Amino acid sequence: MNNNPAAKFIDKLGWVYIQDKKVLMARSYNKTTFYIPGGKREIGENDREALTREIKEELSVDLINDSIISLGEFHGQADGKPAGVMVKIHCFSADFSGEVKASAEIEEITWLTHADSHRCSAVAAKVLDELKETHLID
């Protein structure tokens, strides 16, 4: 983590969905890097509302509000931004209804393991590190 107090943070929310020891990741159009699905809050939204909206937009599923559980915050250099611009992502797990499929700005979704960290943004790789350490993914 960058301890520079002047560092700019991009504040995001992410949904961690694990199946068969792999985690679902998304890649936006014209990008090569995979990310934790999610996004930023809009004015007046709380974390649950923003996460539910973003996941509906990106993956076409409805998160079940009562099942949303915080997994913690992760920090890392923002992909494609100048040095010192950091991403802070508050990750959550949640049950959902519907069928997961790429929509909106998402070109591709895929299932990744820790061995795929090199395909991910810096902060997504940190999430993969934690999931591997806690034996949730391979």
C-alpha atoms as a PDB file:
ATOM      1  CA  MET A   1       0.000   0.000   0.000  1.00  0.00           C
ATOM      2  CA  ASN A   2       1.156   3.520  -0.710  1.00  0.00           C
ATOM      3  CA  ASN A   3       1.589   5.448   2.544  1.00  0.00           C
ATOM      4  CA  ASN A   4       1.763   8.813   0.778  1.00  0.00           C
ATOM      5  CA  PRO A   5      -1.005  10.950   2.343  1.00  0.00           C
ATOM      6  CA  ALA A   6      -1.339  12.871  -0.946  1.00  0.00           C
ATOM      7  CA  ALA A   7      -2.060   9.691  -2.900  1.00  0.00           C
ATOM      8  CA  LYS A   8      -5.367   9.723  -4.754  1.00  0.00           C
ATOM      9  CA  PHE A   9      -7.716   6.826  -4.039  1.00  0.00           C
ATOM     10  CA  ILE A  10     -10.323   5.527  -6.439  1.00  0.00           C
ATOM     11  CA  ASP A  11     -12.988   4.099  -4.123  1.00  0.00           C
ATOM     12  CA  LYS A  12     -14.748   1.016  -5.500  1.00  0.00           C
ATOM     13  CA  LEU A  13     -16.914  -1.908  -4.453  1.00  0.00           C
ATOM     14  CA  GLY A  14     -16.467  -5.455  -5.703  1.00  0.00           C
ATOM     15  CA  TRP A  15     -18.348  -8.754  -5.733  1.00  0.00           C
ATOM     16  CA  VAL A  16     -16.302 -11.865  -5.064  1.00  0.00           C
ATOM     17  CA  TYR A  17     -18.076 -14.907  -6.493  1.00  0.00           C
ATOM     18  CA  ILE A  18     -16.279 -18.228  -5.996  1.00  0.00           C
ATOM     19  CA  GLN A  19     -17.213 -21.516  -7.627  1.00  0.00           C
ATOM     20  CA  ASP A  20     -15.156 -24.720  -7.816  1.00  0.00           C
ATOM     21  CA  LYS A  21     -12.135 -23.007  -6.169  1.00  0.00           C
ATOM     22  CA  LYS A  22     -12.085 -20.287  -8.867  1.00  0.00           C
ATOM     23  CA  VAL A  23     -13.198 -16.665  -8.714  1.00  0.00           C
ATOM     24  CA  LEU A  24     -15.241 -14.843 -11.329  1.00  0.00           C
ATOM     25  CA  MET A  25     -13.409 -11.938 -12.993  1.00  0.00           C
ATOM     26  CA  ALA A  26     -14.469  -9.426 -15.617  1.00  0.00           C
ATOM     27  CA  ARG A  27     -12.673  -7.650 -18.443  1.00  0.00           C
ATOM     28  CA  SER A  28     -13.978  -4.418 -19.950  1.00  0.00           C
ATOM     29  CA  TYR A  29     -13.986  -3.641 -23.672  1.00  0.00           C
ATOM     30  CA  ASN A  30     -10.595  -2.509 -25.016  1.00  0.00           C
ATOM     31  CA  LYS A  31      -8.810  -3.719 -21.860  1.00  0.00           C
ATOM     32  CA  THR A  32      -6.482  -6.676 -21.375  1.00  0.00           C
ATOM     33  CA  THR A  33      -6.619  -6.827 -17.578  1.00  0.00           C
ATOM     34  CA  PHE A  34      -9.226  -8.653 -15.500  1.00  0.00           C
ATOM     35  CA  TYR A  35     -10.936  -7.005 -12.534  1.00  0.00           C
ATOM     36  CA  ILE A  36     -13.193  -7.884  -9.617  1.00  0.00           C
ATOM     37  CA  PRO A  37     -16.728  -7.130 -10.908  1.00  0.00           C
ATOM     38  CA  GLY A  38     -18.250  -4.014  -9.360  1.00  0.00           C
ATOM     39  CA  GLY A  39     -17.777  -0.286  -9.508  1.00  0.00           C
ATOM     40  CA  LYS A  40     -18.237   3.067  -7.842  1.00  0.00           C
ATOM     41  CA  ARG A  41     -21.039   4.476  -5.712  1.00  0.00           C
ATOM     42  CA  GLU A  42     -23.367   7.070  -7.152  1.00  0.00           C
ATOM     43  CA  ILE A  43     -24.418  10.051  -5.034  1.00  0.00           C
ATOM     44  CA  GLY A  44     -26.782   8.958  -2.265  1.00  0.00           C
ATOM     45  CA  GLU A  45     -26.062   5.223  -2.569  1.00  0.00           C
ATOM     46  CA  ASN A  46     -24.832   3.046   0.256  1.00  0.00           C
ATOM     47  CA  ASP A  47     -22.443   0.153  -0.383  1.00  0.00           C
ATOM     48  CA  ARG A  48     -25.163  -2.470  -0.799  1.00  0.00           C
ATOM     49  CA  GLU A  49     -27.203  -0.353  -3.201  1.00  0.00           C
ATOM     50  CA  ALA A  50     -24.186   0.551  -5.320  1.00  0.00           C
ATOM     51  CA  LEU A  51     -22.844  -3.003  -5.429  1.00  0.00           C
ATOM     52  CA  THR A  52     -26.256  -4.412  -6.353  1.00  0.00           C
ATOM     53  CA  ARG A  53     -26.694  -1.833  -9.129  1.00  0.00           C
ATOM     54  CA  GLU A  54     -23.186  -2.329 -10.538  1.00  0.00           C
ATOM     55  CA  ILE A  55     -23.454  -6.125 -10.571  1.00  0.00           C
ATOM     56  CA  LYS A  56     -26.865  -5.947 -12.254  1.00  0.00           C
ATOM     57  CA  GLU A  57     -25.389  -3.634 -14.912  1.00  0.00           C
ATOM     58  CA  GLU A  58     -22.225  -5.682 -15.478  1.00  0.00           C
ATOM     59  CA  LEU A  59     -23.380  -9.275 -14.974  1.00  0.00           C
ATOM     60  CA  SER A  60     -27.197  -9.225 -15.299  1.00  0.00           C
ATOM     61  CA  VAL A  61     -27.868 -10.799 -11.881  1.00  0.00           C
ATOM     62  CA  ASP A  62     -29.625  -9.544  -8.763  1.00  0.00           C
ATOM     63  CA  LEU A  63     -27.671  -9.775  -5.525  1.00  0.00           C
ATOM     64  CA  ILE A  64     -29.742 -10.895  -2.554  1.00  0.00           C
ATOM     65  CA  ASN A  65     -29.462  -8.016  -0.086  1.00  0.00           C
ATOM     66  CA  ASP A  66     -29.640 -10.101   3.097  1.00  0.00           C
ATOM     67  CA  SER A  67     -26.755 -12.296   1.921  1.00  0.00           C
ATOM     68  CA  ILE A  68     -24.223  -9.505   1.251  1.00  0.00           C
ATOM     69  CA  ILE A  69     -21.188  -9.978   3.536  1.00  0.00           C
ATOM     70  CA  SER A  70     -18.057  -7.823   3.711  1.00  0.00           C
ATOM     71  CA  LEU A  71     -14.786  -9.600   2.898  1.00  0.00           C
ATOM     72  CA  GLY A  72     -12.607  -6.576   3.622  1.00  0.00           C
ATOM     73  CA  GLU A  73     -10.804  -3.804   1.775  1.00  0.00           C
ATOM     74  CA  PHE A  74      -7.863  -4.157  -0.584  1.00  0.00           C
ATOM     75  CA  HIS A  75      -5.543  -1.464  -1.951  1.00  0.00           C
ATOM     76  CA  GLY A  76      -3.295  -1.349  -4.998  1.00  0.00           C
ATOM     77  CA  GLN A  77      -1.923   0.809  -7.789  1.00  0.00           C
ATOM     78  CA  ALA A  78      -4.715   1.796 -10.184  1.00  0.00           C
ATOM     79  CA  ASP A  79      -4.379   0.062 -13.547  1.00  0.00           C
ATOM     80  CA  GLY A  80      -3.476   2.477 -16.340  1.00  0.00           C
ATOM     81  CA  LYS A  81      -3.183   5.473 -13.985  1.00  0.00           C
ATOM     82  CA  PRO A  82      -0.114   7.500 -12.951  1.00  0.00           C
ATOM     83  CA  ALA A  83       2.048   6.168 -10.110  1.00  0.00           C
ATOM     84  CA  GLY A  84       0.473   6.985  -6.758  1.00  0.00           C
ATOM     85  CA  VAL A  85      -3.118   6.742  -7.962  1.00  0.00           C
ATOM     86  CA  MET A  86      -4.466   3.874  -5.902  1.00  0.00           C
ATOM     87  CA  VAL A  87      -7.606   1.761  -5.953  1.00  0.00           C
ATOM     88  CA  LYS A  88      -9.353   0.906  -2.716  1.00  0.00           C
ATOM     89  CA  ILE A  89     -11.885  -1.852  -3.267  1.00  0.00           C
ATOM     90  CA  HIS A  90     -14.267  -3.023  -0.562  1.00  0.00           C
ATOM     91  CA  CYS A  91     -15.113  -6.607  -1.477  1.00  0.00           C
ATOM     92  CA  PHE A  92     -18.283  -8.483  -0.651  1.00  0.00           C
ATOM     93  CA  SER A  93     -19.676 -11.949  -1.186  1.00  0.00           C
ATOM     94  CA  ALA A  94     -23.373 -12.433  -1.874  1.00  0.00           C
ATOM     95  CA  ASP A  95     -25.903 -14.905  -3.161  1.00  0.00           C
ATOM     96  CA  PHE A  96     -27.766 -13.923  -6.310  1.00  0.00           C
ATOM     97  CA  SER A  97     -30.647 -14.746  -8.585  1.00  0.00           C
ATOM     98  CA  GLY A  98     -30.406 -14.961 -12.347  1.00  0.00           C
ATOM     99  CA  GLU A  99     -27.771 -16.182 -14.792  1.00  0.00           C
ATOM    100  CA  VAL A 100     -24.337 -14.574 -14.776  1.00  0.00           C
ATOM    101  CA  LYS A 101     -23.475 -13.122 -18.182  1.00  0.00           C
ATOM    102  CA  ALA A 102     -21.379 -10.224 -19.415  1.00  0.00           C
ATOM    103  CA  SER A 103     -23.317  -7.055 -20.210  1.00  0.00           C
ATOM    104  CA  ALA A 104     -22.880  -3.256 -20.346  1.00  0.00           C
ATOM    105  CA  GLU A 105     -19.170  -2.429 -20.524  1.00  0.00           C
ATOM    106  CA  ILE A 106     -18.031  -6.008 -19.844  1.00  0.00           C
ATOM    107  CA  GLU A 107     -16.576  -7.838 -22.845  1.00  0.00           C
ATOM    108  CA  GLU A 108     -15.570 -11.046 -21.082  1.00  0.00           C
ATOM    109  CA  ILE A 109     -16.047 -12.905 -17.829  1.00  0.00           C
ATOM    110  CA  THR A 110     -13.900 -15.836 -16.808  1.00  0.00           C
ATOM    111  CA  TRP A 111     -13.020 -18.037 -13.854  1.00  0.00           C
ATOM    112  CA  LEU A 112      -9.498 -17.537 -12.506  1.00  0.00           C
ATOM    113  CA  THR A 113      -7.251 -19.115  -9.896  1.00  0.00           C
ATOM    114  CA  HIS A 114      -4.283 -17.653  -8.051  1.00  0.00           C
ATOM    115  CA  ALA A 115      -2.032 -18.844 -10.908  1.00  0.00           C
ATOM    116  CA  ASP A 116      -3.798 -16.290 -13.129  1.00  0.00           C
ATOM    117  CA  SER A 117      -2.799 -13.288 -10.990  1.00  0.00           C
ATOM    118  CA  HIS A 118      -0.613 -11.948 -13.810  1.00  0.00           C
ATOM    119  CA  ARG A 119      -3.792 -11.463 -15.893  1.00  0.00           C
ATOM    120  CA  CYS A 120      -5.360  -9.196 -13.250  1.00  0.00           C
ATOM    121  CA  SER A 121      -5.132  -5.625 -12.027  1.00  0.00           C
ATOM    122  CA  ALA A 122      -2.791  -5.044  -9.069  1.00  0.00           C
ATOM    123  CA  VAL A 123      -5.635  -4.851  -6.570  1.00  0.00           C
ATOM    124  CA  ALA A 124      -7.416  -7.897  -8.039  1.00  0.00           C
ATOM    125  CA  ALA A 125      -4.158  -9.838  -7.660  1.00  0.00           C
ATOM    126  CA  LYS A 126      -4.124  -8.884  -3.963  1.00  0.00           C
ATOM    127  CA  VAL A 127      -7.654 -10.235  -3.621  1.00  0.00           C
ATOM    128  CA  LEU A 128      -6.518 -13.468  -5.277  1.00  0.00           C
ATOM    129  CA  ASP A 129      -3.604 -13.643  -2.799  1.00  0.00           C
ATOM    130  CA  GLU A 130      -6.041 -13.424   0.129  1.00  0.00           C
ATOM    131  CA  LEU A 131      -8.431 -15.974  -1.376  1.00  0.00           C
ATOM    132  CA  LYS A 132      -5.544 -18.396  -1.942  1.00  0.00           C
ATOM    133  CA  GLU A 133      -4.180 -17.884   1.604  1.00  0.00           C
ATOM    134  CA  THR A 134      -7.614 -18.674   3.039  1.00  0.00           C
ATOM    135  CA  HIS A 135      -7.950 -21.751   0.770  1.00  0.00           C
ATOM    136  CA  LEU A 136     -11.029 -20.413  -1.012  1.00  0.00           C
ATOM    137  CA  ILE A 137      -9.426 -20.679  -4.461  1.00  0.00           C
ATOM    138  CA  ASP A 138      -6.659 -22.801  -5.982  1.00  0.00           C
END
